[in-house]
């Protein structure tokens, strides 16, 4: 089977992300979609860690499309990020995007305690 089709099995949001209609002036969204495309088709499908990152990146960019608050948060934070100059620039950017999403989830998710009446 074609490797690209195999990878797309793990990315159910691929067509929603790639076909996302963003403003022409929205350079950040354009770059994020480009990073997404480059990364998912460059991973080794037999490597479990890379495959898990692909699945997570697919979920994060799906949230980027649907959640306006996360979109603005990611756009605000991604422009201040510094990336090491080495061979894995895209891999480093993917790690940073995933970390921003984890911090966003921790910040926006509130803990609800159910009190018990005695």
C-alpha atoms as a PDB file:
ATOM      1  CA  UNK A   1       0.000   0.000   0.000  1.00  0.00           C
ATOM      2  CA  UNK A   2       1.121   3.539  -0.639  1.00  0.00           C
ATOM      3  CA  UNK A   3       2.890   5.057   2.389  1.00  0.00           C
ATOM      4  CA  UNK A   4       0.981   8.358   2.070  1.00  0.00           C
ATOM      5  CA  UNK A   5      -2.346   6.544   2.245  1.00  0.00           C
ATOM      6  CA  UNK A   6      -1.097   4.633   5.271  1.00  0.00           C
ATOM      7  CA  UNK A   7      -0.149   7.869   7.022  1.00  0.00           C
ATOM      8  CA  UNK A   8      -3.512   9.453   6.184  1.00  0.00           C
ATOM      9  CA  UNK A   9      -5.205   6.636   8.111  1.00  0.00           C
ATOM     10  CA  UNK A  10      -3.697   8.150  11.245  1.00  0.00           C
ATOM     11  CA  UNK A  11      -4.693  11.701  10.257  1.00  0.00           C
ATOM     12  CA  UNK A  12      -8.491  11.834  10.084  1.00  0.00           C
ATOM     13  CA  UNK A  13      -8.443  15.655  10.054  1.00  0.00           C
ATOM     14  CA  UNK A  14      -5.986  15.981   7.159  1.00  0.00           C
ATOM     15  CA  UNK A  15      -8.428  17.286   4.552  1.00  0.00           C
ATOM     16  CA  UNK A  16     -10.060  19.689   7.011  1.00  0.00           C
ATOM     17  CA  UNK A  17      -6.658  21.109   7.918  1.00  0.00           C
ATOM     18  CA  UNK A  18      -5.317  21.355   4.378  1.00  0.00           C
ATOM     19  CA  UNK A  19      -8.540  22.865   3.037  1.00  0.00           C
ATOM     20  CA  UNK A  20      -8.882  25.335   5.925  1.00  0.00           C
ATOM     21  CA  UNK A  21      -9.908  28.700   4.499  1.00  0.00           C
ATOM     22  CA  UNK A  22      -7.794  31.345   6.222  1.00  0.00           C
ATOM     23  CA  UNK A  23      -7.163  34.999   5.379  1.00  0.00           C
ATOM     24  CA  UNK A  24      -4.598  35.806   2.727  1.00  0.00           C
ATOM     25  CA  UNK A  25      -2.812  37.963   5.288  1.00  0.00           C
ATOM     26  CA  UNK A  26      -2.672  35.088   7.804  1.00  0.00           C
ATOM     27  CA  UNK A  27       0.898  33.963   7.216  1.00  0.00           C
ATOM     28  CA  UNK A  28       1.079  31.952  10.445  1.00  0.00           C
ATOM     29  CA  UNK A  29      -1.786  29.642   9.460  1.00  0.00           C
ATOM     30  CA  UNK A  30      -0.267  29.133   6.034  1.00  0.00           C
ATOM     31  CA  UNK A  31       3.091  28.189   7.573  1.00  0.00           C
ATOM     32  CA  UNK A  32       1.476  25.864  10.125  1.00  0.00           C
ATOM     33  CA  UNK A  33      -0.375  23.979   7.386  1.00  0.00           C
ATOM     34  CA  UNK A  34       2.883  23.760   5.423  1.00  0.00           C
ATOM     35  CA  UNK A  35       4.742  22.405   8.454  1.00  0.00           C
ATOM     36  CA  UNK A  36       1.932  19.906   9.005  1.00  0.00           C
ATOM     37  CA  UNK A  37       2.117  18.619   5.421  1.00  0.00           C
ATOM     38  CA  UNK A  38       5.899  18.392   5.411  1.00  0.00           C
ATOM     39  CA  UNK A  39       6.087  16.666   8.768  1.00  0.00           C
ATOM     40  CA  UNK A  40       3.438  13.989   8.391  1.00  0.00           C
ATOM     41  CA  UNK A  41       4.779  12.803   5.048  1.00  0.00           C
ATOM     42  CA  UNK A  42       8.391  12.745   6.261  1.00  0.00           C
ATOM     43  CA  UNK A  43       7.973  10.455   9.276  1.00  0.00           C
ATOM     44  CA  UNK A  44       8.825   6.787   9.446  1.00  0.00           C
ATOM     45  CA  UNK A  45       5.545   4.951   9.877  1.00  0.00           C
ATOM     46  CA  UNK A  46       7.275   2.106  11.721  1.00  0.00           C
ATOM     47  CA  UNK A  47       8.566   4.436  14.447  1.00  0.00           C
ATOM     48  CA  UNK A  48       5.948   4.509  17.225  1.00  0.00           C
ATOM     49  CA  UNK A  49       7.108   7.848  18.687  1.00  0.00           C
ATOM     50  CA  UNK A  50       6.949   9.647  15.350  1.00  0.00           C
ATOM     51  CA  UNK A  51       3.558   8.104  14.597  1.00  0.00           C
ATOM     52  CA  UNK A  52       2.260   9.288  17.967  1.00  0.00           C
ATOM     53  CA  UNK A  53       3.509  12.812  17.182  1.00  0.00           C
ATOM     54  CA  UNK A  54       1.677  12.703  13.848  1.00  0.00           C
ATOM     55  CA  UNK A  55      -1.567  11.737  15.581  1.00  0.00           C
ATOM     56  CA  UNK A  56      -1.097  14.472  18.199  1.00  0.00           C
ATOM     57  CA  UNK A  57      -0.213  17.094  15.597  1.00  0.00           C
ATOM     58  CA  UNK A  58      -3.327  16.183  13.623  1.00  0.00           C
ATOM     59  CA  UNK A  59      -5.465  16.674  16.737  1.00  0.00           C
ATOM     60  CA  UNK A  60      -3.735  19.941  17.663  1.00  0.00           C
ATOM     61  CA  UNK A  61      -4.228  21.501  14.232  1.00  0.00           C
ATOM     62  CA  UNK A  62      -7.843  20.316  14.181  1.00  0.00           C
ATOM     63  CA  UNK A  63      -8.282  22.221  17.437  1.00  0.00           C
ATOM     64  CA  UNK A  64      -6.461  25.153  15.853  1.00  0.00           C
ATOM     65  CA  UNK A  65      -9.119  25.265  13.143  1.00  0.00           C
ATOM     66  CA  UNK A  66     -12.135  24.901  15.431  1.00  0.00           C
ATOM     67  CA  UNK A  67     -11.065  26.800  18.568  1.00  0.00           C
ATOM     68  CA  UNK A  68     -10.635  30.534  18.002  1.00  0.00           C
ATOM     69  CA  UNK A  69      -9.021  31.113  21.402  1.00  0.00           C
ATOM     70  CA  UNK A  70      -6.416  28.427  20.789  1.00  0.00           C
ATOM     71  CA  UNK A  71      -5.770  29.836  17.314  1.00  0.00           C
ATOM     72  CA  UNK A  72      -5.014  33.287  18.692  1.00  0.00           C
ATOM     73  CA  UNK A  73      -2.922  31.820  21.514  1.00  0.00           C
ATOM     74  CA  UNK A  74      -0.841  29.699  19.144  1.00  0.00           C
ATOM     75  CA  UNK A  75      -0.369  32.577  16.711  1.00  0.00           C
ATOM     76  CA  UNK A  76       0.751  34.823  19.546  1.00  0.00           C
ATOM     77  CA  UNK A  77       3.213  32.310  21.001  1.00  0.00           C
ATOM     78  CA  UNK A  78       4.625  30.796  17.808  1.00  0.00           C
ATOM     79  CA  UNK A  79       6.081  34.106  16.605  1.00  0.00           C
ATOM     80  CA  UNK A  80       8.156  34.462  19.782  1.00  0.00           C
ATOM     81  CA  UNK A  81       9.634  30.968  19.590  1.00  0.00           C
ATOM     82  CA  UNK A  82      13.312  30.479  18.919  1.00  0.00           C
ATOM     83  CA  UNK A  83      14.332  27.317  17.118  1.00  0.00           C
ATOM     84  CA  UNK A  84      17.780  25.743  17.152  1.00  0.00           C
ATOM     85  CA  UNK A  85      19.620  25.764  13.846  1.00  0.00           C
ATOM     86  CA  UNK A  86      20.082  22.095  13.154  1.00  0.00           C
ATOM     87  CA  UNK A  87      18.816  19.518  10.709  1.00  0.00           C
ATOM     88  CA  UNK A  88      15.517  18.921  12.497  1.00  0.00           C
ATOM     89  CA  UNK A  89      13.910  22.367  12.333  1.00  0.00           C
ATOM     90  CA  UNK A  90      10.481  20.990  11.418  1.00  0.00           C
ATOM     91  CA  UNK A  91      10.708  18.351  14.145  1.00  0.00           C
ATOM     92  CA  UNK A  92      11.601  21.051  16.695  1.00  0.00           C
ATOM     93  CA  UNK A  93       8.677  23.213  15.544  1.00  0.00           C
ATOM     94  CA  UNK A  94       6.291  20.279  15.897  1.00  0.00           C
ATOM     95  CA  UNK A  95       7.505  19.686  19.454  1.00  0.00           C
ATOM     96  CA  UNK A  96       6.990  23.371  20.253  1.00  0.00           C
ATOM     97  CA  UNK A  97       3.469  23.367  18.778  1.00  0.00           C
ATOM     98  CA  UNK A  98       2.549  20.279  20.808  1.00  0.00           C
ATOM     99  CA  UNK A  99       3.947  21.870  23.991  1.00  0.00           C
ATOM    100  CA  UNK A 100       1.981  25.073  23.389  1.00  0.00           C
ATOM    101  CA  UNK A 101      -1.187  22.997  23.079  1.00  0.00           C
ATOM    102  CA  UNK A 102      -0.451  21.112  26.311  1.00  0.00           C
ATOM    103  CA  UNK A 103       0.060  24.404  28.155  1.00  0.00           C
ATOM    104  CA  UNK A 104      -3.130  25.802  26.617  1.00  0.00           C
ATOM    105  CA  UNK A 105      -5.149  22.772  27.733  1.00  0.00           C
ATOM    106  CA  UNK A 106      -3.764  23.004  31.259  1.00  0.00           C
ATOM    107  CA  UNK A 107      -4.550  26.707  31.393  1.00  0.00           C
ATOM    108  CA  UNK A 108      -8.096  26.507  30.024  1.00  0.00           C
ATOM    109  CA  UNK A 109      -9.209  23.299  31.676  1.00  0.00           C
ATOM    110  CA  UNK A 110     -10.457  23.978  35.114  1.00  0.00           C
ATOM    111  CA  UNK A 111     -10.735  21.462  37.876  1.00  0.00           C
ATOM    112  CA  UNK A 112     -14.209  20.862  39.169  1.00  0.00           C
ATOM    113  CA  UNK A 113     -14.594  19.501  42.638  1.00  0.00           C
ATOM    114  CA  UNK A 114     -17.860  17.942  43.659  1.00  0.00           C
ATOM    115  CA  UNK A 115     -18.621  18.810  47.198  1.00  0.00           C
ATOM    116  CA  UNK A 116     -20.320  16.298  49.366  1.00  0.00           C
ATOM    117  CA  UNK A 117     -23.080  17.408  51.653  1.00  0.00           C
ATOM    118  CA  UNK A 118     -23.284  15.644  54.916  1.00  0.00           C
END
